[in-house]
Amino acid sequence: MRCPSCRYELWNLKPGPCPECSRVFSTTEFTLVPSKVHFLCPHCEQEYLGNGEDGLPAPRQFECGRCHESVDVALMSARPAPGVTSQQCYTDDHPWLDRGDRGWISTFFTTMYRLSFQPAITARALHGRSSLLPSLVFAAGLSLIALLCWTLISLGIAGVTGALNAALLKTTAIVFAGGLAWLVIVLAIGFCACLTHLILRFGIPAPRPLSYTLSSILWSSAPILVGTSPLLTTGCCAVPLGWGWFTVNASIALSVAHSISVRRAVVAMIAPFVLVFAFVFFGLAFAVVSVGGAVGGATS
C-alpha cells in the first residue's frame, strides 16, 4: 500500500499518520487484489488473508481466532503474501507511471487505450500523484503521432501522383502548419485548464494544486486524435466526437483527482471553452462590423 498523498510504502505499518507526510490513513481506503495480501491482528499479529472482493478480509469486524479479541479491519496492518510483490497487490495501476520493465512503445499505446476507455480506473491509479511532467511527455507523443500521420499521407499522395520531388516543400509546409496547429491546441488546453482550476476553487475547501488539474486534462487528451487524424477528419462527426470524448474523459479524471462530482467537473471543464469561444466569436463579429463600417464610410 502507498500513501495517497506522498506515495510512501505503508506495508507493515499500523493505520495512523503516514511517517513521511503525516496524512492519516486507514486500511479500508485501499482496494487490493484478492488473496494477495495478509492482514495482521492488531493485538497478536495473527495473519488473515484478504479474500474479499476488494482484497480486504471479510467481514470488516470479527473475533480473532488466536487471541479472541475484537478486530476491526480498518486497524489492521498489511503486507504482501509470500512470493507476491508490492505491485501485484494493486487492482488499479497507471500503465505509464507503473510500467516497470515494459517497453516504451507498448506502454504508450496501452496508456492510450486505458485513458480513452477506462478514465476513472486510470485516474484512481494516480493515487494522488500530480504527474505533470509525464503527462506532458505523453501529450507530446500524441502530437508526434498526429504530425507523422499527416506527413506520411502527404508523401503517399505525392508518390501516387508522381510529384514526389515537387511535394517535399508542400509536405514541409504541412508539417510546420500541423506542428503550429498542435502548439495552438496545447496552449489553448493549458489556458482553459487554468480557467478550469479557477472555477474548481470555488466551493472546494482545499483543492489540489494546479498541477493535478493540468495533468488530469493532459492525460485525457488521447481522444483528440480522433478529431485531428487525417484518416478520420473527412467524416463530419469526427471533430465533435473527438473533442466530446476528450471532455467526458477529462471531466471524469478531474472528478477523481479533486474528489468532486462528475457534474461539477463537467461544468468546470466546459465553461472555459464556452467563454473562449464566445470571446473569439464576438471579437471577430465586432471586427467585421468595425471594418464594414469603416469601408462603408470611406466609400460614401
Protein backbone atom coordinates (compact mmCIF):
# COMPACT_ATOMS: atom_id res chain seq x y z
CA MET A 1 0.00 0.00 0.00
CA ARG A 2 1.15 3.51 -0.73
CA CYS A 3 0.17 6.76 0.93
CA PRO A 4 -2.32 8.53 -1.38
CA SER A 5 -0.55 11.85 -0.75
CA CYS A 6 3.19 11.12 -0.86
CA ARG A 7 3.41 7.52 -2.22
CA TYR A 8 5.26 6.29 0.88
CA GLU A 9 5.08 2.49 1.29
CA LEU A 10 2.70 1.63 4.14
CA TRP A 11 3.24 -2.11 4.34
CA ASN A 12 3.69 -3.48 7.89
CA LEU A 13 2.61 -0.16 9.39
CA LYS A 14 -0.35 0.20 11.72
CA PRO A 15 -3.05 2.59 10.40
CA GLY A 16 -2.48 6.15 11.52
CA PRO A 17 -0.28 9.07 10.40
CA CYS A 18 1.96 8.44 7.42
CA PRO A 19 5.63 8.56 8.55
CA GLU A 20 6.51 10.73 5.55
CA CYS A 21 3.70 13.32 5.26
CA SER A 22 1.59 12.70 8.41
CA ARG A 23 -1.58 12.03 6.41
CA VAL A 24 -3.82 9.71 8.44
CA PHE A 25 -4.59 6.50 6.54
CA SER A 26 -6.86 3.53 7.12
CA THR A 27 -6.54 0.04 5.69
CA THR A 28 -10.10 0.11 4.40
CA GLU A 29 -9.46 3.02 1.99
CA PHE A 30 -7.38 0.78 -0.30
CA THR A 31 -8.59 -1.62 -2.98
CA LEU A 32 -6.27 -4.58 -3.43
CA VAL A 33 -6.13 -7.82 -5.40
CA PRO A 34 -7.95 -10.62 -3.54
CA SER A 35 -5.79 -13.31 -1.91
CA LYS A 36 -2.57 -11.33 -2.44
CA VAL A 37 -2.27 -9.55 0.93
CA HIS A 38 -2.01 -10.73 4.53
CA PHE A 39 -3.60 -8.61 7.27
CA LEU A 40 -2.34 -8.75 10.84
CA CYS A 41 -4.41 -8.74 14.02
CA PRO A 42 -3.52 -5.52 15.91
CA HIS A 43 -3.42 -7.48 19.19
CA CYS A 44 -1.45 -10.66 18.41
CA GLU A 45 -0.34 -10.25 14.74
CA GLN A 46 -2.24 -13.32 13.61
CA GLU A 47 -2.35 -13.27 9.81
CA TYR A 48 -5.59 -13.20 7.83
CA LEU A 49 -5.80 -13.44 4.05
CA GLY A 50 -7.61 -10.62 2.25
CA ASN A 51 -10.13 -12.75 0.35
CA GLY A 52 -12.93 -10.20 -0.09
CA GLU A 53 -13.88 -8.67 -3.42
CA ASP A 54 -11.81 -5.58 -2.55
CA GLY A 55 -8.85 -7.64 -1.35
CA LEU A 56 -9.63 -6.96 2.34
CA PRO A 57 -10.71 -9.50 4.97
CA ALA A 58 -14.45 -10.13 5.17
CA PRO A 59 -16.32 -9.36 7.35
CA ARG A 60 -14.94 -5.98 8.40
CA GLN A 61 -15.23 -6.81 12.11
CA PHE A 62 -14.66 -10.23 13.65
CA GLU A 63 -13.16 -12.03 16.63
CA CYS A 64 -9.54 -13.11 16.30
CA GLY A 65 -9.25 -16.88 16.36
CA ARG A 66 -5.95 -16.71 18.21
CA CYS A 67 -6.34 -14.04 20.92
CA HIS A 68 -10.16 -13.85 20.85
CA GLU A 69 -10.03 -10.06 20.79
CA SER A 70 -12.41 -7.98 18.66
CA VAL A 71 -10.71 -6.97 15.39
CA ASP A 72 -11.57 -4.09 13.04
CA VAL A 73 -10.06 -4.37 9.56
CA ALA A 74 -9.53 -0.60 9.50
CA LEU A 75 -6.98 -1.01 12.33
CA MET A 76 -5.05 -3.92 10.82
CA SER A 77 -1.62 -3.58 9.26
CA ALA A 78 -0.95 -5.38 5.98
CA ARG A 79 1.87 -6.91 3.97
CA PRO A 80 2.11 -8.79 0.67
CA ALA A 81 1.66 -12.56 0.87
CA PRO A 82 4.84 -14.64 0.50
CA GLY A 83 6.09 -14.62 -3.08
CA VAL A 84 3.91 -11.62 -4.02
CA THR A 85 5.44 -8.27 -4.99
CA SER A 86 4.02 -4.94 -3.88
CA GLN A 87 2.92 -4.03 -7.41
CA GLN A 88 0.98 -7.29 -7.79
CA CYS A 89 -1.24 -6.29 -4.87
CA TYR A 90 -2.89 -3.33 -6.64
CA THR A 91 -6.01 -3.65 -8.77
CA ASP A 92 -5.52 -0.24 -10.39
CA ASP A 93 -2.22 0.68 -11.99
CA HIS A 94 -1.29 3.52 -14.30
CA PRO A 95 0.30 1.91 -17.39
CA TRP A 96 2.66 4.84 -17.97
CA LEU A 97 3.75 5.58 -14.41
CA ASP A 98 3.79 1.93 -13.25
CA ARG A 99 5.22 0.39 -16.40
CA GLY A 100 8.05 -1.42 -14.61
CA ASP A 101 10.19 -3.20 -17.22
CA ARG A 102 7.63 -2.97 -20.03
CA GLY A 103 8.71 -1.42 -23.34
CA TRP A 104 8.04 2.24 -24.12
CA ILE A 105 6.03 1.64 -27.30
CA SER A 106 3.68 -0.97 -25.87
CA THR A 107 3.30 1.14 -22.73
CA PHE A 108 2.41 4.21 -24.78
CA PHE A 109 -0.39 2.50 -26.72
CA THR A 110 -1.63 0.70 -23.61
CA THR A 111 -1.83 4.09 -21.92
CA MET A 112 -3.76 5.50 -24.88
CA TYR A 113 -6.30 2.68 -24.65
CA ARG A 114 -6.69 2.82 -20.86
CA LEU A 115 -7.01 6.60 -20.76
CA SER A 116 -9.56 6.56 -23.60
CA PHE A 117 -11.81 3.76 -22.38
CA GLN A 118 -11.09 3.49 -18.63
CA PRO A 119 -10.52 7.08 -17.45
CA ALA A 120 -11.88 6.57 -13.92
CA ILE A 121 -9.74 3.50 -13.22
CA THR A 122 -6.63 5.16 -14.64
CA ALA A 123 -7.29 8.35 -12.66
CA ARG A 124 -7.68 6.40 -9.42
CA ALA A 125 -4.38 4.66 -10.17
CA LEU A 126 -2.58 8.00 -9.84
CA HIS A 127 -3.06 7.69 -6.05
CA GLY A 128 -2.59 11.41 -5.52
CA ARG A 129 0.34 11.79 -7.94
CA SER A 130 0.18 15.02 -9.94
CA SER A 131 2.39 13.50 -12.70
CA LEU A 132 2.60 16.78 -14.62
CA LEU A 133 5.90 16.09 -16.40
CA PRO A 134 4.94 12.52 -17.52
CA SER A 135 1.59 13.81 -18.77
CA LEU A 136 3.39 16.49 -20.82
CA VAL A 137 5.64 13.81 -22.33
CA PHE A 138 2.59 11.68 -23.16
CA ALA A 139 0.78 14.63 -24.78
CA ALA A 140 3.93 15.40 -26.81
CA GLY A 141 3.93 11.81 -28.04
CA LEU A 142 0.34 12.21 -29.21
CA SER A 143 1.37 15.35 -31.10
CA LEU A 144 4.18 13.48 -32.86
CA ILE A 145 1.77 10.73 -33.92
CA ALA A 146 -0.63 13.27 -35.42
CA LEU A 147 2.21 15.00 -37.32
CA LEU A 148 3.57 11.67 -38.53
CA CYS A 149 0.16 10.66 -39.88
CA TRP A 150 -0.20 13.91 -41.82
CA THR A 151 3.37 13.64 -43.16
CA LEU A 152 3.08 10.02 -44.35
CA ILE A 153 -0.27 10.60 -46.02
CA SER A 154 1.01 13.74 -47.75
CA LEU A 155 4.08 11.89 -49.05
CA GLY A 156 1.93 8.92 -50.08
CA ILE A 157 -0.41 11.10 -52.13
CA ALA A 158 2.56 12.84 -53.74
CA GLY A 159 4.15 9.49 -54.59
CA VAL A 160 0.96 8.15 -56.20
CA THR A 161 0.58 11.27 -58.31
CA GLY A 162 4.23 11.15 -59.40
CA ALA A 163 5.07 14.52 -57.93
CA LEU A 164 7.17 13.38 -55.01
CA ASN A 165 10.02 15.86 -55.51
CA ALA A 166 7.70 18.79 -56.03
CA ALA A 167 5.70 17.81 -52.96
CA LEU A 168 8.59 17.88 -50.50
CA LEU A 169 8.27 21.61 -49.97
CA LYS A 170 4.50 21.28 -49.59
CA THR A 171 4.97 18.42 -47.12
CA THR A 172 7.37 20.53 -45.08
CA ALA A 173 4.79 23.31 -45.02
CA ILE A 174 2.10 20.84 -43.93
CA VAL A 175 4.30 19.50 -41.14
CA PHE A 176 5.11 23.02 -40.00
CA ALA A 177 1.45 24.05 -40.12
CA GLY A 178 0.44 20.88 -38.29
CA GLY A 179 3.03 21.48 -35.61
CA LEU A 180 1.89 25.07 -35.23
CA ALA A 181 -1.73 23.92 -35.01
CA TRP A 182 -0.91 21.40 -32.29
CA LEU A 183 1.04 24.05 -30.41
CA VAL A 184 -2.02 26.30 -30.52
CA ILE A 185 -4.20 23.41 -29.33
CA VAL A 186 -1.85 22.61 -26.44
CA LEU A 187 -1.66 26.27 -25.41
CA ALA A 188 -5.45 26.57 -25.62
CA ILE A 189 -5.88 23.44 -23.49
CA GLY A 190 -3.38 24.80 -20.96
CA PHE A 191 -5.14 28.17 -20.81
CA CYS A 192 -8.57 26.54 -20.43
CA ALA A 193 -7.14 24.18 -17.79
CA CYS A 194 -6.06 27.21 -15.75
CA LEU A 195 -9.56 28.65 -16.05
CA THR A 196 -11.00 25.25 -15.09
CA HIS A 197 -8.85 25.21 -11.97
CA LEU A 198 -10.06 28.69 -11.01
CA ILE A 199 -13.65 27.52 -11.37
CA LEU A 200 -12.91 24.41 -9.30
CA ARG A 201 -11.53 26.52 -6.47
CA PHE A 202 -14.99 27.94 -5.81
CA GLY A 203 -16.80 25.69 -3.39
CA ILE A 204 -13.87 23.34 -2.69
CA PRO A 205 -12.37 23.90 0.79
CA ALA A 206 -8.90 22.58 -0.05
CA PRO A 207 -8.47 21.93 -3.79
CA ARG A 208 -5.43 20.09 -5.03
CA PRO A 209 -2.73 22.17 -6.76
CA LEU A 210 -2.96 23.36 -10.35
CA SER A 211 -0.61 20.56 -11.44
CA TYR A 212 -3.33 17.99 -10.67
CA THR A 213 -5.80 19.77 -12.93
CA LEU A 214 -3.26 20.16 -15.75
CA SER A 215 -2.08 16.55 -15.57
CA SER A 216 -5.65 15.19 -15.43
CA ILE A 217 -6.57 17.11 -18.59
CA LEU A 218 -3.34 16.22 -20.41
CA TRP A 219 -3.71 12.51 -19.62
CA SER A 220 -7.21 12.71 -21.11
CA SER A 221 -6.10 14.21 -24.45
CA ALA A 222 -5.79 10.92 -26.38
CA PRO A 223 -9.32 11.10 -27.91
CA ILE A 224 -8.38 14.41 -29.56
CA LEU A 225 -6.54 12.30 -32.16
CA VAL A 226 -9.96 11.15 -33.38
CA GLY A 227 -10.72 14.72 -34.41
CA THR A 228 -7.30 15.53 -35.86
CA SER A 229 -6.30 12.32 -37.65
CA PRO A 230 -6.23 12.76 -41.44
CA LEU A 231 -7.88 9.34 -41.78
CA LEU A 232 -10.92 10.44 -39.78
CA THR A 233 -11.38 14.17 -40.32
CA THR A 234 -13.12 13.53 -43.65
CA GLY A 235 -16.11 12.48 -41.59
CA CYS A 236 -18.26 15.38 -40.41
CA CYS A 237 -18.70 13.79 -36.94
CA ALA A 238 -15.01 13.15 -36.27
CA VAL A 239 -14.08 16.53 -34.79
CA PRO A 240 -17.03 16.88 -32.37
CA LEU A 241 -16.69 13.18 -31.46
CA GLY A 242 -13.01 13.58 -30.57
CA TRP A 243 -13.46 16.75 -28.54
CA GLY A 244 -16.63 15.48 -26.87
CA TRP A 245 -14.86 12.25 -25.92
CA PHE A 246 -11.95 14.27 -24.55
CA THR A 247 -14.29 16.48 -22.49
CA VAL A 248 -16.06 13.48 -20.92
CA ASN A 249 -12.78 11.73 -20.06
CA ALA A 250 -11.21 14.89 -18.66
CA SER A 251 -14.29 15.53 -16.53
CA ILE A 252 -14.12 12.02 -15.08
CA ALA A 253 -10.40 12.40 -14.37
CA LEU A 254 -10.98 15.78 -12.69
CA SER A 255 -13.76 14.37 -10.52
CA VAL A 256 -11.40 11.66 -9.26
CA ALA A 257 -8.40 13.98 -8.85
CA HIS A 258 -10.32 16.59 -6.84
CA SER A 259 -12.85 14.23 -5.19
CA ILE A 260 -15.84 16.11 -6.61
CA SER A 261 -18.97 15.11 -8.51
CA VAL A 262 -18.76 14.45 -12.24
CA ARG A 263 -21.44 17.10 -12.80
CA ARG A 264 -19.31 19.80 -11.18
CA ALA A 265 -16.27 18.61 -13.14
CA VAL A 266 -18.21 18.79 -16.43
CA VAL A 267 -19.30 22.36 -15.71
CA ALA A 268 -15.74 23.37 -14.78
CA MET A 269 -14.42 21.67 -17.91
CA ILE A 270 -16.90 23.09 -20.42
CA ALA A 271 -17.24 26.65 -19.07
CA PRO A 272 -13.72 27.87 -20.10
CA PHE A 273 -14.11 26.58 -23.68
CA VAL A 274 -17.52 28.27 -23.93
CA LEU A 275 -16.03 31.52 -22.63
CA VAL A 276 -13.09 31.36 -25.05
CA PHE A 277 -15.39 30.54 -27.98
CA ALA A 278 -17.74 33.38 -27.07
CA PHE A 279 -14.82 35.79 -26.73
CA VAL A 280 -13.40 34.80 -30.14
CA PHE A 281 -16.84 34.84 -31.82
CA PHE A 282 -17.89 38.25 -30.51
CA GLY A 283 -14.39 39.61 -31.10
CA LEU A 284 -14.49 38.56 -34.76
CA ALA A 285 -18.05 39.86 -35.11
CA PHE A 286 -17.01 43.22 -33.67
CA ALA A 287 -14.00 43.33 -36.00
CA VAL A 288 -16.14 42.55 -39.04
CA VAL A 289 -18.72 45.20 -38.11
CA SER A 290 -15.99 47.76 -37.46
CA VAL A 291 -14.21 47.06 -40.76
CA GLY A 292 -17.52 47.09 -42.61
CA GLY A 293 -18.44 50.44 -41.09
CA ALA A 294 -15.03 51.90 -41.92
CA VAL A 295 -15.24 50.68 -45.54
CA GLY A 296 -18.78 51.99 -45.87
CA GLY A 297 -17.78 55.38 -44.51
CA ALA A 298 -14.80 55.59 -46.88
CA THR A 299 -16.87 54.74 -49.97
CA SER A 300 -19.55 57.26 -49.08
